Amino acid sequence: MFALGAYQTRRHLRARVAPDFVLPELSGQRISLADYRGKKVLLHFFATWCGVCQLELPSLRGLARRLGPNEALIAVVEDSTDAEAVRGFAREHALNYPVLLGSPEVFRAYRVSAFPTNYFVNGDGTIAGSTVGLSTRLGMATHLWLTDAGGAPGP
């Protein structure tokens, strides 16, 4: 299992500052990754048409409900050309965390080539790790726990 995960993330960014971005949230508010400095961030890249992404939604909702004050979950959707359709998807699936309308530039910057892709970002903006494919709430919570709100990876 570890070998598969390592293979799937071999081209991902590691141990460097996460590329900043400014993207619109479904409400229209523009959100920057830099707004979350000082917090552990799960940056979740997904697509509404992705079956595995849909299977992961209950885990993400559960994780979002249990986030601490120094933790954040931000989702970035790939199929962002129809904001109204994404809003409908978010309502239908009761997404209780920020959903940003992604851009090709952001997906390229993070080397996202499959969905879902998760990046775990330390509080100082450096990348602590990444995963590809279905994750459980426990798996995501563990990765987030190992991420540092202050900076260096892991506790």
C-alpha atoms as a PDB file:
ATOM      1  CA  MET A   1       0.000   0.000   0.000  1.00  0.00           C
ATOM      2  CA  PHE A   2       2.805   2.425   0.898  1.00  0.00           C
ATOM      3  CA  ALA A   3       4.560   1.691  -2.405  1.00  0.00           C
ATOM      4  CA  LEU A   4       1.399   2.467  -4.376  1.00  0.00           C
ATOM      5  CA  GLY A   5       0.937   5.766  -2.527  1.00  0.00           C
ATOM      6  CA  ALA A   6       4.573   6.706  -3.097  1.00  0.00           C
ATOM      7  CA  TYR A   7       4.233   5.901  -6.787  1.00  0.00           C
ATOM      8  CA  GLN A   8       1.013   7.913  -7.159  1.00  0.00           C
ATOM      9  CA  THR A   9       2.547  11.000  -5.534  1.00  0.00           C
ATOM     10  CA  ARG A  10       6.035  10.731  -7.065  1.00  0.00           C
ATOM     11  CA  ARG A  11       5.556  13.924  -9.124  1.00  0.00           C
ATOM     12  CA  HIS A  12       3.883  15.918  -6.362  1.00  0.00           C
ATOM     13  CA  LEU A  13       5.476  18.903  -4.701  1.00  0.00           C
ATOM     14  CA  ARG A  14       7.399  18.071  -1.527  1.00  0.00           C
ATOM     15  CA  ALA A  15       9.003  19.973   1.351  1.00  0.00           C
ATOM     16  CA  ARG A  16       8.728  23.357  -0.291  1.00  0.00           C
ATOM     17  CA  VAL A  17       6.442  26.329  -0.023  1.00  0.00           C
ATOM     18  CA  ALA A  18       3.004  25.541  -1.422  1.00  0.00           C
ATOM     19  CA  PRO A  19       2.187  27.696  -4.456  1.00  0.00           C
ATOM     20  CA  ASP A  20      -0.102  30.509  -3.363  1.00  0.00           C
ATOM     21  CA  PHE A  21      -3.295  31.196  -5.252  1.00  0.00           C
ATOM     22  CA  VAL A  22      -6.323  33.440  -5.142  1.00  0.00           C
ATOM     23  CA  LEU A  23      -9.523  31.705  -6.259  1.00  0.00           C
ATOM     24  CA  PRO A  24     -13.219  32.512  -5.960  1.00  0.00           C
ATOM     25  CA  GLU A  25     -15.257  30.624  -3.388  1.00  0.00           C
ATOM     26  CA  LEU A  26     -18.818  29.629  -4.298  1.00  0.00           C
ATOM     27  CA  SER A  27     -20.114  32.778  -2.604  1.00  0.00           C
ATOM     28  CA  GLY A  28     -17.902  34.885  -4.879  1.00  0.00           C
ATOM     29  CA  GLN A  29     -15.435  35.811  -2.123  1.00  0.00           C
ATOM     30  CA  ARG A  30     -11.826  35.495  -3.274  1.00  0.00           C
ATOM     31  CA  ILE A  31      -9.739  33.199  -1.074  1.00  0.00           C
ATOM     32  CA  SER A  32      -5.961  32.977  -0.899  1.00  0.00           C
ATOM     33  CA  LEU A  33      -3.978  30.081   0.538  1.00  0.00           C
ATOM     34  CA  ALA A  34      -1.897  32.735   2.325  1.00  0.00           C
ATOM     35  CA  ASP A  35      -5.058  33.651   4.294  1.00  0.00           C
ATOM     36  CA  TYR A  36      -4.576  30.354   6.149  1.00  0.00           C
ATOM     37  CA  ARG A  37      -0.990  30.889   7.338  1.00  0.00           C
ATOM     38  CA  GLY A  38      -0.610  29.687  10.913  1.00  0.00           C
ATOM     39  CA  LYS A  39      -3.075  26.830  10.333  1.00  0.00           C
ATOM     40  CA  LYS A  40      -2.701  23.241   9.230  1.00  0.00           C
ATOM     41  CA  VAL A  41      -4.466  22.990   5.874  1.00  0.00           C
ATOM     42  CA  LEU A  42      -5.899  20.047   3.982  1.00  0.00           C
ATOM     43  CA  LEU A  43      -6.050  21.246   0.382  1.00  0.00           C
ATOM     44  CA  HIS A  44      -8.469  18.873  -1.369  1.00  0.00           C
ATOM     45  CA  PHE A  45      -8.530  18.812  -5.194  1.00  0.00           C
ATOM     46  CA  PHE A  46     -11.599  17.089  -6.643  1.00  0.00           C
ATOM     47  CA  ALA A  47     -14.089  16.978  -9.506  1.00  0.00           C
ATOM     48  CA  THR A  48     -17.863  16.707  -9.243  1.00  0.00           C
ATOM     49  CA  TRP A  49     -17.914  13.986 -11.927  1.00  0.00           C
ATOM     50  CA  CYS A  50     -15.378  11.832 -10.027  1.00  0.00           C
ATOM     51  CA  GLY A  51     -17.015   8.776  -8.423  1.00  0.00           C
ATOM     52  CA  VAL A  52     -14.203   8.264  -5.917  1.00  0.00           C
ATOM     53  CA  CYS A  53     -14.452  11.941  -4.928  1.00  0.00           C
ATOM     54  CA  GLN A  54     -18.151  11.467  -4.229  1.00  0.00           C
ATOM     55  CA  LEU A  55     -17.430   8.389  -2.090  1.00  0.00           C
ATOM     56  CA  GLU A  56     -15.033  10.512  -0.034  1.00  0.00           C
ATOM     57  CA  LEU A  57     -17.570  13.281   0.719  1.00  0.00           C
ATOM     58  CA  PRO A  58     -18.933  11.797   3.996  1.00  0.00           C
ATOM     59  CA  SER A  59     -15.361  11.545   5.319  1.00  0.00           C
ATOM     60  CA  LEU A  60     -14.635  15.150   4.345  1.00  0.00           C
ATOM     61  CA  ARG A  61     -17.859  16.412   5.948  1.00  0.00           C
ATOM     62  CA  GLY A  62     -17.034  14.505   9.143  1.00  0.00           C
ATOM     63  CA  LEU A  63     -13.478  15.834   9.178  1.00  0.00           C
ATOM     64  CA  ALA A  64     -14.685  19.404   8.595  1.00  0.00           C
ATOM     65  CA  ARG A  65     -17.033  19.163  11.605  1.00  0.00           C
ATOM     66  CA  ARG A  66     -14.138  18.127  13.856  1.00  0.00           C
ATOM     67  CA  LEU A  67     -11.456  20.591  12.771  1.00  0.00           C
ATOM     68  CA  GLY A  68      -9.646  22.411  15.529  1.00  0.00           C
ATOM     69  CA  PRO A  69      -9.093  26.180  15.595  1.00  0.00           C
ATOM     70  CA  ASN A  70      -5.664  25.796  13.946  1.00  0.00           C
ATOM     71  CA  GLU A  71      -6.915  23.521  11.142  1.00  0.00           C
ATOM     72  CA  ALA A  72      -8.680  24.150   7.832  1.00  0.00           C
ATOM     73  CA  LEU A  73     -10.096  22.161   4.940  1.00  0.00           C
ATOM     74  CA  ILE A  74     -10.209  23.890   1.562  1.00  0.00           C
ATOM     75  CA  ALA A  75     -11.595  22.129  -1.506  1.00  0.00           C
ATOM     76  CA  VAL A  76     -10.646  23.150  -5.042  1.00  0.00           C
ATOM     77  CA  VAL A  77     -12.992  21.889  -7.750  1.00  0.00           C
ATOM     78  CA  GLU A  78     -11.734  21.065 -11.226  1.00  0.00           C
ATOM     79  CA  ASP A  79     -14.967  21.483 -13.188  1.00  0.00           C
ATOM     80  CA  SER A  80     -15.336  25.149 -12.344  1.00  0.00           C
ATOM     81  CA  THR A  81     -16.616  26.523 -15.645  1.00  0.00           C
ATOM     82  CA  ASP A  82     -20.222  26.196 -14.421  1.00  0.00           C
ATOM     83  CA  ALA A  83     -20.259  27.814 -10.975  1.00  0.00           C
ATOM     84  CA  GLU A  84     -24.019  27.332 -10.602  1.00  0.00           C
ATOM     85  CA  ALA A  85     -23.716  23.574 -11.186  1.00  0.00           C
ATOM     86  CA  VAL A  86     -20.946  23.401  -8.563  1.00  0.00           C
ATOM     87  CA  ARG A  87     -23.129  25.376  -6.124  1.00  0.00           C
ATOM     88  CA  GLY A  88     -25.913  22.842  -6.706  1.00  0.00           C
ATOM     89  CA  PHE A  89     -23.480  19.971  -6.115  1.00  0.00           C
ATOM     90  CA  ALA A  90     -22.267  21.587  -2.875  1.00  0.00           C
ATOM     91  CA  ARG A  91     -25.870  22.061  -1.650  1.00  0.00           C
ATOM     92  CA  GLU A  92     -26.925  18.546  -2.680  1.00  0.00           C
ATOM     93  CA  HIS A  93     -23.975  17.014  -0.813  1.00  0.00           C
ATOM     94  CA  ALA A  94     -24.144  19.410   2.184  1.00  0.00           C
ATOM     95  CA  LEU A  95     -20.512  20.491   1.841  1.00  0.00           C
ATOM     96  CA  ASN A  96     -19.673  22.348   5.048  1.00  0.00           C
ATOM     97  CA  TYR A  97     -16.269  23.715   4.065  1.00  0.00           C
ATOM     98  CA  PRO A  98     -14.991  26.254   1.531  1.00  0.00           C
ATOM     99  CA  VAL A  99     -15.198  25.100  -2.099  1.00  0.00           C
ATOM    100  CA  LEU A 100     -13.059  27.156  -4.465  1.00  0.00           C
ATOM    101  CA  LEU A 101     -13.492  27.301  -8.228  1.00  0.00           C
ATOM    102  CA  GLY A 102     -10.170  25.986  -9.513  1.00  0.00           C
ATOM    103  CA  SER A 103      -8.100  27.123 -12.459  1.00  0.00           C
ATOM    104  CA  PRO A 104      -5.857  25.181 -14.840  1.00  0.00           C
ATOM    105  CA  GLU A 105      -2.887  27.178 -13.507  1.00  0.00           C
ATOM    106  CA  VAL A 106      -3.497  26.031  -9.926  1.00  0.00           C
ATOM    107  CA  PHE A 107      -3.948  22.401 -10.960  1.00  0.00           C
ATOM    108  CA  ARG A 108      -0.684  22.571 -12.927  1.00  0.00           C
ATOM    109  CA  ALA A 109       1.150  24.295 -10.059  1.00  0.00           C
ATOM    110  CA  TYR A 110       0.154  21.435  -7.748  1.00  0.00           C
ATOM    111  CA  ARG A 111       0.779  18.779 -10.405  1.00  0.00           C
ATOM    112  CA  VAL A 112      -2.696  17.332  -9.980  1.00  0.00           C
ATOM    113  CA  SER A 113      -3.195  14.547 -12.504  1.00  0.00           C
ATOM    114  CA  ALA A 114      -5.804  12.377 -10.727  1.00  0.00           C
ATOM    115  CA  PHE A 115      -8.743  12.889  -8.390  1.00  0.00           C
ATOM    116  CA  PRO A 116      -9.042  13.174  -5.522  1.00  0.00           C
ATOM    117  CA  THR A 117      -5.657  14.646  -4.625  1.00  0.00           C
ATOM    118  CA  ASN A 118      -4.908  15.972  -1.151  1.00  0.00           C
ATOM    119  CA  TYR A 119      -2.072  18.221  -0.062  1.00  0.00           C
ATOM    120  CA  PHE A 120      -1.312  18.804   3.613  1.00  0.00           C
ATOM    121  CA  VAL A 121       0.181  22.247   4.208  1.00  0.00           C
ATOM    122  CA  ASN A 122       2.040  23.320   7.355  1.00  0.00           C
ATOM    123  CA  GLY A 123       1.232  26.590   9.067  1.00  0.00           C
ATOM    124  CA  ASP A 124       4.322  28.223   7.556  1.00  0.00           C
ATOM    125  CA  GLY A 125       3.028  27.393   4.056  1.00  0.00           C
ATOM    126  CA  THR A 126       5.354  24.461   3.357  1.00  0.00           C
ATOM    127  CA  ILE A 127       4.025  21.169   2.037  1.00  0.00           C
ATOM    128  CA  ALA A 128       3.986  18.371   4.610  1.00  0.00           C
ATOM    129  CA  GLY A 129       2.726  15.638   2.262  1.00  0.00           C
ATOM    130  CA  SER A 130       0.158  14.550  -0.284  1.00  0.00           C
ATOM    131  CA  THR A 131      -2.112  11.646  -1.184  1.00  0.00           C
ATOM    132  CA  VAL A 132      -4.008  10.498  -4.268  1.00  0.00           C
ATOM    133  CA  GLY A 133      -7.171   8.443  -4.338  1.00  0.00           C
ATOM    134  CA  LEU A 134      -9.778   7.509  -1.770  1.00  0.00           C
ATOM    135  CA  SER A 135      -8.914   8.554   1.774  1.00  0.00           C
ATOM    136  CA  THR A 136     -10.785   7.769   4.953  1.00  0.00           C
ATOM    137  CA  ARG A 137     -11.635  10.369   7.562  1.00  0.00           C
ATOM    138  CA  LEU A 138      -9.140   8.683   9.884  1.00  0.00           C
ATOM    139  CA  GLY A 139      -6.437   8.784   7.209  1.00  0.00           C
ATOM    140  CA  MET A 140      -7.004  12.465   6.454  1.00  0.00           C
ATOM    141  CA  ALA A 141      -7.212  13.334  10.165  1.00  0.00           C
ATOM    142  CA  THR A 142      -3.939  11.493  10.807  1.00  0.00           C
ATOM    143  CA  HIS A 143      -2.163  13.304   7.967  1.00  0.00           C
ATOM    144  CA  LEU A 144      -3.525  16.606   9.248  1.00  0.00           C
ATOM    145  CA  TRP A 145      -2.419  15.747  12.806  1.00  0.00           C
ATOM    146  CA  LEU A 146       1.107  15.080  11.494  1.00  0.00           C
ATOM    147  CA  THR A 147       1.075  18.476   9.792  1.00  0.00           C
ATOM    148  CA  ASP A 148       2.483  21.323  11.883  1.00  0.00           C
ATOM    149  CA  ALA A 149       0.586  24.571  12.459  1.00  0.00           C
ATOM    150  CA  GLY A 150       3.902  26.281  13.150  1.00  0.00           C
ATOM    151  CA  GLY A 151       6.086  24.999  10.367  1.00  0.00           C
ATOM    152  CA  ALA A 152       8.231  21.883  10.244  1.00  0.00           C
ATOM    153  CA  PRO A 153       6.505  18.634   9.171  1.00  0.00           C
ATOM    154  CA  GLY A 154       5.183  16.331  11.867  1.00  0.00           C
ATOM    155  CA  PRO A 155       4.959  16.611  15.652  1.00  0.00           C
END
